[in-house]
C-alpha atoms as a PDB file:
ATOM      1  CA  MET A   1     -13.653 -17.072 -23.878  1.00  0.00           C
ATOM      2  CA  SER A   2     -13.262 -13.426 -24.614  1.00  0.00           C
ATOM      3  CA  GLY A   3     -12.953 -11.416 -27.437  1.00  0.00           C
ATOM      4  CA  ALA A   4     -16.090 -10.502 -30.044  1.00  0.00           C
ATOM      5  CA  GLN A   5     -17.731 -13.471 -32.218  1.00  0.00           C
ATOM      6  CA  ALA A   6     -16.492 -13.699 -35.881  1.00  0.00           C
ATOM      7  CA  SER A   7     -18.901 -12.064 -38.063  1.00  0.00           C
ATOM      8  CA  ALA A   8     -20.981 -14.625 -40.672  1.00  0.00           C
ATOM      9  CA  SER A   9     -22.665 -14.398 -43.759  1.00  0.00           C
ATOM     10  CA  THR A  10     -25.105 -16.086 -46.178  1.00  0.00           C
ATOM     11  CA  VAL A  11     -24.306 -17.990 -49.729  1.00  0.00           C
ATOM     12  CA  ARG A  12     -26.967 -19.486 -51.433  1.00  0.00           C
ATOM     13  CA  VAL A  13     -25.069 -22.605 -53.240  1.00  0.00           C
ATOM     14  CA  GLN A  14     -25.108 -21.978 -56.972  1.00  0.00           C
ATOM     15  CA  ALA A  15     -24.742 -24.988 -59.917  1.00  0.00           C
ATOM     16  CA  GLY A  16     -21.061 -25.373 -59.703  1.00  0.00           C
ATOM     17  CA  ASN A  17     -20.113 -24.469 -56.422  1.00  0.00           C
ATOM     18  CA  THR A  18     -18.351 -26.963 -54.175  1.00  0.00           C
ATOM     19  CA  VAL A  19     -17.960 -26.313 -50.290  1.00  0.00           C
ATOM     20  CA  TRP A  20     -13.550 -26.114 -51.849  1.00  0.00           C
ATOM     21  CA  SER A  21     -14.803 -23.285 -54.259  1.00  0.00           C
ATOM     22  CA  LEU A  22     -17.156 -21.180 -51.671  1.00  0.00           C
ATOM     23  CA  ALA A  23     -13.971 -21.448 -49.306  1.00  0.00           C
ATOM     24  CA  GLN A  24     -11.547 -20.460 -51.678  1.00  0.00           C
ATOM     25  CA  GLN A  25     -13.636 -17.439 -53.010  1.00  0.00           C
ATOM     26  CA  HIS A  26     -14.583 -15.922 -49.381  1.00  0.00           C
ATOM     27  CA  HIS A  27     -10.913 -16.696 -48.057  1.00  0.00           C
ATOM     28  CA  VAL A  28     -12.118 -19.275 -45.376  1.00  0.00           C
ATOM     29  CA  SER A  29     -11.178 -23.016 -44.460  1.00  0.00           C
ATOM     30  CA  VAL A  30     -13.441 -25.872 -46.251  1.00  0.00           C
ATOM     31  CA  ASN A  31     -12.932 -26.845 -42.190  1.00  0.00           C
ATOM     32  CA  ALA A  32     -14.771 -23.890 -41.486  1.00  0.00           C
ATOM     33  CA  ILE A  33     -17.364 -23.873 -43.774  1.00  0.00           C
ATOM     34  CA  VAL A  34     -18.280 -27.666 -42.699  1.00  0.00           C
ATOM     35  CA  SER A  35     -18.525 -26.812 -38.831  1.00  0.00           C
ATOM     36  CA  ALA A  36     -20.459 -23.972 -39.486  1.00  0.00           C
ATOM     37  CA  ASN A  37     -23.432 -25.603 -41.219  1.00  0.00           C
ATOM     38  CA  GLN A  38     -22.793 -28.899 -39.667  1.00  0.00           C
ATOM     39  CA  LEU A  39     -22.016 -30.667 -42.540  1.00  0.00           C
ATOM     40  CA  ALA A  40     -21.834 -34.817 -42.211  1.00  0.00           C
ATOM     41  CA  ASN A  41     -20.069 -34.513 -45.836  1.00  0.00           C
ATOM     42  CA  ALA A  42     -18.550 -32.196 -47.501  1.00  0.00           C
ATOM     43  CA  ASN A  43     -18.500 -33.719 -50.587  1.00  0.00           C
ATOM     44  CA  ARG A  44     -22.640 -33.327 -50.422  1.00  0.00           C
ATOM     45  CA  ILE A  45     -24.274 -29.538 -51.449  1.00  0.00           C
ATOM     46  CA  TYR A  46     -27.297 -28.569 -53.191  1.00  0.00           C
ATOM     47  CA  VAL A  47     -27.877 -26.034 -54.796  1.00  0.00           C
ATOM     48  CA  ASN A  48     -30.063 -23.501 -53.457  1.00  0.00           C
ATOM     49  CA  GLN A  49     -28.973 -24.482 -50.268  1.00  0.00           C
ATOM     50  CA  LYS A  50     -27.940 -21.603 -47.757  1.00  0.00           C
ATOM     51  CA  LEU A  51     -24.634 -21.766 -46.444  1.00  0.00           C
ATOM     52  CA  THR A  52     -23.235 -19.728 -43.480  1.00  0.00           C
ATOM     53  CA  ILE A  53     -19.565 -18.583 -44.402  1.00  0.00           C
ATOM     54  CA  PRO A  54     -17.671 -17.707 -41.079  1.00  0.00           C
ATOM     55  CA  ASP A  55     -15.348 -14.163 -41.134  1.00  0.00           C
ATOM     56  CA  GLY A  56     -11.781 -14.425 -39.638  1.00  0.00           C
ATOM     57  CA  GLN A  57     -10.446 -17.761 -41.292  1.00  0.00           C
ATOM     58  CA  THR A  58      -7.780 -19.392 -43.227  1.00  0.00           C
ATOM     59  CA  THR A  59      -7.193 -21.673 -45.819  1.00  0.00           C
ATOM     60  CA  SER A  60      -4.431 -23.475 -44.688  1.00  0.00           C
ATOM     61  CA  ALA A  61      -6.293 -25.455 -42.435  1.00  0.00           C
ATOM     62  CA  ALA A  62      -6.729 -28.300 -45.125  1.00  0.00           C
ATOM     63  CA  THR A  63      -8.496 -31.911 -43.847  1.00  0.00           C
ATOM     64  CA  THR A  64      -9.558 -34.603 -45.173  1.00  0.00           C
ATOM     65  CA  SER A  65     -13.057 -33.760 -45.346  1.00  0.00           C
ATOM     66  CA  GLY A  66     -11.329 -30.583 -47.048  1.00  0.00           C
ATOM     67  CA  ALA A  67      -9.054 -32.725 -49.410  1.00  0.00           C
ATOM     68  CA  THR A  68     -12.133 -34.222 -50.779  1.00  0.00           C
ATOM     69  CA  ALA A  69     -14.034 -31.210 -51.531  1.00  0.00           C
ATOM     70  CA  HIS A  70     -13.840 -30.894 -54.799  1.00  0.00           C
ATOM     71  CA  HIS A  71     -16.755 -32.339 -56.754  1.00  0.00           C
ATOM     72  CA  SER A  72     -19.803 -30.112 -58.303  1.00  0.00           C
ATOM     73  CA  ALA A  73     -22.587 -29.399 -56.022  1.00  0.00           C
ATOM     74  CA  THR A  74     -24.434 -31.678 -56.471  1.00  0.00           C
ATOM     75  CA  THR A  75     -21.812 -34.828 -56.660  1.00  0.00           C
ATOM     76  CA  THR A  76     -22.854 -38.088 -54.041  1.00  0.00           C
ATOM     77  CA  THR A  77     -19.133 -38.971 -52.076  1.00  0.00           C
ATOM     78  CA  THR A  78     -19.138 -42.163 -54.824  1.00  0.00           C
ATOM     79  CA  SER A  79     -15.136 -42.228 -54.908  1.00  0.00           C
ATOM     80  CA  SER A  80     -13.981 -42.602 -58.956  1.00  0.00           C
ATOM     81  CA  PRO A  81     -12.842 -45.868 -59.583  1.00  0.00           C
ATOM     82  CA  LYS A  82      -8.863 -45.826 -61.038  1.00  0.00           C
ATOM     83  CA  THR A  83      -8.336 -47.556 -64.251  1.00  0.00           C
ATOM     84  CA  THR A  84      -4.844 -49.251 -65.635  1.00  0.00           C
ATOM     85  CA  THR A  85      -4.296 -47.877 -68.882  1.00  0.00           C
ATOM     86  CA  SER A  86      -2.561 -46.498 -71.192  1.00  0.00           C
ATOM     87  CA  SER A  87      -2.162 -43.750 -73.876  1.00  0.00           C
ATOM     88  CA  THR A  88      -3.231 -44.094 -77.692  1.00  0.00           C
ATOM     89  CA  THR A  89      -4.222 -40.778 -78.594  1.00  0.00           C
ATOM     90  CA  THR A  90      -0.933 -38.850 -80.486  1.00  0.00           C
ATOM     91  CA  ALA A  91       0.766 -36.423 -77.344  1.00  0.00           C
ATOM     92  CA  SER A  92       3.151 -34.184 -78.897  1.00  0.00           C
ATOM     93  CA  ALA A  93       7.109 -34.689 -77.376  1.00  0.00           C
ATOM     94  CA  SER A  94       6.859 -32.468 -74.584  1.00  0.00           C
ATOM     95  CA  THR A  95       3.081 -33.442 -72.780  1.00  0.00           C
ATOM     96  CA  GLY A  96       4.507 -36.942 -73.744  1.00  0.00           C
ATOM     97  CA  GLY A  97       6.870 -36.933 -71.176  1.00  0.00           C
ATOM     98  CA  GLY A  98       4.887 -35.049 -68.990  1.00  0.00           C
ATOM     99  CA  ILE A  99       1.658 -37.996 -69.025  1.00  0.00           C
ATOM    100  CA  ALA A 100       4.933 -40.411 -68.911  1.00  0.00           C
ATOM    101  CA  THR A 101       5.909 -38.704 -65.896  1.00  0.00           C
ATOM    102  CA  ALA A 102       2.543 -38.975 -63.999  1.00  0.00           C
ATOM    103  CA  LEU A 103       2.176 -41.986 -65.003  1.00  0.00           C
ATOM    104  CA  LYS A 104       5.155 -43.008 -62.677  1.00  0.00           C
ATOM    105  CA  ILE A 105       4.127 -41.235 -59.868  1.00  0.00           C
ATOM    106  CA  ALA A 106       0.582 -42.621 -59.956  1.00  0.00           C
ATOM    107  CA  ASN A 107       2.372 -45.605 -60.110  1.00  0.00           C
ATOM    108  CA  SER A 108       4.691 -44.933 -56.959  1.00  0.00           C
ATOM    109  CA  ASN A 109       2.709 -44.614 -54.180  1.00  0.00           C
ATOM    110  CA  VAL A 110       3.195 -40.909 -53.915  1.00  0.00           C
ATOM    111  CA  PRO A 111       0.036 -39.288 -51.717  1.00  0.00           C
ATOM    112  CA  TYR A 112      -1.858 -36.714 -52.257  1.00  0.00           C
ATOM    113  CA  VAL A 113      -1.268 -33.839 -50.210  1.00  0.00           C
ATOM    114  CA  TYR A 114      -3.363 -30.944 -50.081  1.00  0.00           C
ATOM    115  CA  GLY A 115      -0.917 -27.274 -51.456  1.00  0.00           C
ATOM    116  CA  GLY A 116       1.331 -30.819 -52.652  1.00  0.00           C
ATOM    117  CA  SER A 117       4.050 -29.693 -55.602  1.00  0.00           C
ATOM    118  CA  SER A 118       6.829 -32.299 -54.827  1.00  0.00           C
ATOM    119  CA  MET A 119       7.027 -36.465 -54.360  1.00  0.00           C
ATOM    120  CA  SER A 120       6.354 -36.491 -50.976  1.00  0.00           C
ATOM    121  CA  GLY A 121       3.164 -35.374 -52.128  1.00  0.00           C
ATOM    122  CA  PHE A 122       0.988 -33.282 -54.571  1.00  0.00           C
ATOM    123  CA  ASP A 123      -2.248 -31.378 -55.445  1.00  0.00           C
ATOM    124  CA  CYS A 124      -4.319 -31.969 -58.768  1.00  0.00           C
ATOM    125  CA  SER A 125      -2.523 -28.442 -59.711  1.00  0.00           C
ATOM    126  CA  GLY A 126       0.341 -29.073 -58.314  1.00  0.00           C
ATOM    127  CA  LEU A 127       0.679 -33.361 -60.494  1.00  0.00           C
ATOM    128  CA  VAL A 128       0.014 -31.127 -63.292  1.00  0.00           C
ATOM    129  CA  GLN A 129       2.690 -28.381 -62.667  1.00  0.00           C
ATOM    130  CA  TYR A 130       5.382 -31.053 -61.785  1.00  0.00           C
ATOM    131  CA  ALA A 131       5.259 -33.578 -64.956  1.00  0.00           C
ATOM    132  CA  LEU A 132       3.938 -30.991 -67.302  1.00  0.00           C
ATOM    133  CA  GLY A 133       6.973 -28.855 -66.085  1.00  0.00           C
ATOM    134  CA  LEU A 134       4.631 -25.770 -65.607  1.00  0.00           C
ATOM    135  CA  SER A 135       5.599 -22.581 -64.649  1.00  0.00           C
ATOM    136  CA  ALA A 136       2.032 -21.769 -63.315  1.00  0.00           C
ATOM    137  CA  ARG A 137       1.296 -23.290 -60.288  1.00  0.00           C
ATOM    138  CA  THR A 138      -2.543 -23.465 -59.310  1.00  0.00           C
ATOM    139  CA  THR A 139      -5.883 -24.200 -61.869  1.00  0.00           C
ATOM    140  CA  TYR A 140      -6.021 -20.806 -61.849  1.00  0.00           C
ATOM    141  CA  GLN A 141      -3.225 -20.017 -63.979  1.00  0.00           C
ATOM    142  CA  GLN A 142      -2.917 -22.856 -64.943  1.00  0.00           C
ATOM    143  CA  THR A 143      -6.265 -22.203 -66.458  1.00  0.00           C
ATOM    144  CA  LYS A 144      -5.235 -19.244 -68.727  1.00  0.00           C
ATOM    145  CA  LEU A 145      -2.631 -21.087 -70.278  1.00  0.00           C
ATOM    146  CA  GLY A 146      -4.490 -22.103 -73.813  1.00  0.00           C
ATOM    147  CA  THR A 147      -7.862 -21.359 -75.699  1.00  0.00           C
ATOM    148  CA  HIS A 148     -10.474 -23.403 -73.978  1.00  0.00           C
ATOM    149  CA  HIS A 149     -12.025 -26.240 -75.697  1.00  0.00           C
ATOM    150  CA  TYR A 150     -15.453 -27.737 -74.689  1.00  0.00           C
ATOM    151  CA  ASP A 151     -15.623 -30.875 -76.927  1.00  0.00           C
ATOM    152  CA  VAL A 152     -13.936 -33.092 -74.075  1.00  0.00           C
ATOM    153  CA  ALA A 153     -14.949 -36.018 -74.590  1.00  0.00           C
ATOM    154  CA  ASN A 154     -12.414 -35.114 -77.725  1.00  0.00           C
ATOM    155  CA  ALA A 155      -9.750 -33.852 -75.778  1.00  0.00           C
ATOM    156  CA  PRO A 156      -5.876 -35.090 -76.106  1.00  0.00           C
ATOM    157  CA  ALA A 157      -3.424 -37.123 -74.951  1.00  0.00           C
ATOM    158  CA  GLY A 158      -1.600 -34.043 -72.899  1.00  0.00           C
ATOM    159  CA  ALA A 159      -4.201 -31.697 -72.484  1.00  0.00           C
ATOM    160  CA  ILE A 160      -5.015 -30.117 -69.127  1.00  0.00           C
ATOM    161  CA  LEU A 161      -8.652 -30.784 -68.437  1.00  0.00           C
ATOM    162  CA  PHE A 162     -10.463 -28.836 -66.078  1.00  0.00           C
ATOM    163  CA  TRP A 163     -13.691 -28.603 -63.591  1.00  0.00           C
ATOM    164  CA  GLY A 164     -15.585 -25.026 -62.978  1.00  0.00           C
ATOM    165  CA  SER A 165     -16.488 -22.425 -64.922  1.00  0.00           C
ATOM    166  CA  ASP A 166     -14.165 -20.767 -67.818  1.00  0.00           C
ATOM    167  CA  SER A 167     -13.229 -17.884 -64.371  1.00  0.00           C
ATOM    168  CA  ALA A 168     -12.879 -19.850 -61.592  1.00  0.00           C
ATOM    169  CA  PRO A 169     -11.977 -23.314 -62.199  1.00  0.00           C
ATOM    170  CA  TYR A 170     -11.593 -26.201 -59.140  1.00  0.00           C
ATOM    171  CA  HIS A 171      -9.921 -29.276 -60.170  1.00  0.00           C
ATOM    172  CA  ASP A 172      -7.505 -29.916 -63.524  1.00  0.00           C
ATOM    173  CA  ALA A 173      -5.955 -33.016 -64.450  1.00  0.00           C
ATOM    174  CA  ILE A 174      -3.886 -34.267 -67.360  1.00  0.00           C
ATOM    175  CA  SER A 175      -5.877 -35.967 -70.255  1.00  0.00           C
ATOM    176  CA  LEU A 176      -4.455 -39.248 -71.129  1.00  0.00           C
ATOM    177  CA  GLY A 177      -7.397 -39.393 -74.750  1.00  0.00           C
ATOM    178  CA  ASN A 178     -10.029 -41.705 -74.984  1.00  0.00           C
ATOM    179  CA  GLY A 179     -11.872 -40.873 -71.968  1.00  0.00           C
ATOM    180  CA  LYS A 180      -9.108 -41.620 -69.746  1.00  0.00           C
ATOM    181  CA  TYR A 181      -7.229 -39.224 -67.165  1.00  0.00           C
ATOM    182  CA  VAL A 182      -4.461 -39.488 -64.806  1.00  0.00           C
ATOM    183  CA  ALA A 183      -4.956 -36.874 -61.502  1.00  0.00           C
ATOM    184  CA  ALA A 184      -4.551 -36.124 -57.770  1.00  0.00           C
ATOM    185  CA  GLN A 185      -8.486 -36.597 -57.389  1.00  0.00           C
ATOM    186  CA  ASN A 186      -8.719 -36.281 -53.699  1.00  0.00           C
ATOM    187  CA  GLU A 187      -7.163 -37.965 -50.423  1.00  0.00           C
ATOM    188  CA  THR A 188      -9.611 -40.706 -50.851  1.00  0.00           C
ATOM    189  CA  ASP A 189      -8.888 -41.325 -54.651  1.00  0.00           C
ATOM    190  CA  GLY A 190      -5.079 -40.426 -54.505  1.00  0.00           C
ATOM    191  CA  ILE A 191      -3.268 -40.282 -57.295  1.00  0.00           C
ATOM    192  CA  GLY A 192      -4.180 -42.094 -60.482  1.00  0.00           C
ATOM    193  CA  VAL A 193      -5.681 -42.783 -63.421  1.00  0.00           C
ATOM    194  CA  PHE A 194      -9.629 -42.507 -64.040  1.00  0.00           C
ATOM    195  CA  SER A 195     -12.209 -41.999 -66.226  1.00  0.00           C
ATOM    196  CA  GLN A 196     -14.842 -39.961 -67.827  1.00  0.00           C
ATOM    197  CA  SER A 197     -17.229 -41.212 -67.552  1.00  0.00           C
ATOM    198  CA  VAL A 198     -17.211 -41.065 -63.662  1.00  0.00           C
ATOM    199  CA  TRP A 199     -16.376 -36.920 -63.310  1.00  0.00           C
ATOM    200  CA  GLN A 200     -16.780 -35.282 -66.837  1.00  0.00           C
ATOM    201  CA  PRO A 201     -14.619 -32.458 -66.208  1.00  0.00           C
ATOM    202  CA  SER A 202     -16.044 -29.330 -68.023  1.00  0.00           C
ATOM    203  CA  TYR A 203     -13.589 -27.932 -70.957  1.00  0.00           C
ATOM    204  CA  TYR A 204      -9.984 -28.501 -71.618  1.00  0.00           C
ATOM    205  CA  ILE A 205      -6.239 -26.452 -72.990  1.00  0.00           C
ATOM    206  CA  VAL A 206      -4.118 -27.975 -75.731  1.00  0.00           C
ATOM    207  CA  LEU A 207      -0.465 -26.598 -74.325  1.00  0.00           C
END
């Protein structure tokens, strides 16, 4: 093979890091990190683990391993069980309509699609944007839409839940109240209703 080999750097995994968040930070694909480190499971990395970050890649090559790599560094690959629920917490008229839209999508077999924001498929922030009628497309943009609250167990219906740090969120969802949320979770779990008891968010905003 002709041409110079791409250079690489090494990072040490910090609490809250995921393969997906590291890929976004270093502008490489999840698959590139998985391949460079021969990771058997992109959902399972560890605090203080050293990872090689290859250069010269892109973030567009999302695969099943990449799309599911949204969990924290110590998270296992156990799927989040879906539940059937309706919100009993009062939501505003606008967010109430958004909840209804998101639940309709969750019950319509619309697939999880990395980068998706239409009825052909959604990723996490694509679903939030579509259901709530937001102009902000990405999780990072959406986290700037309101004050961050950290009493996540009390998140009202219609609030946007976020996972990750204040400055680097990597996943979001729409709260249904009572510890439930509707989300485009990943390619494995799809779009559905999930429980905070399985995967607790970091904070939320109220529109």
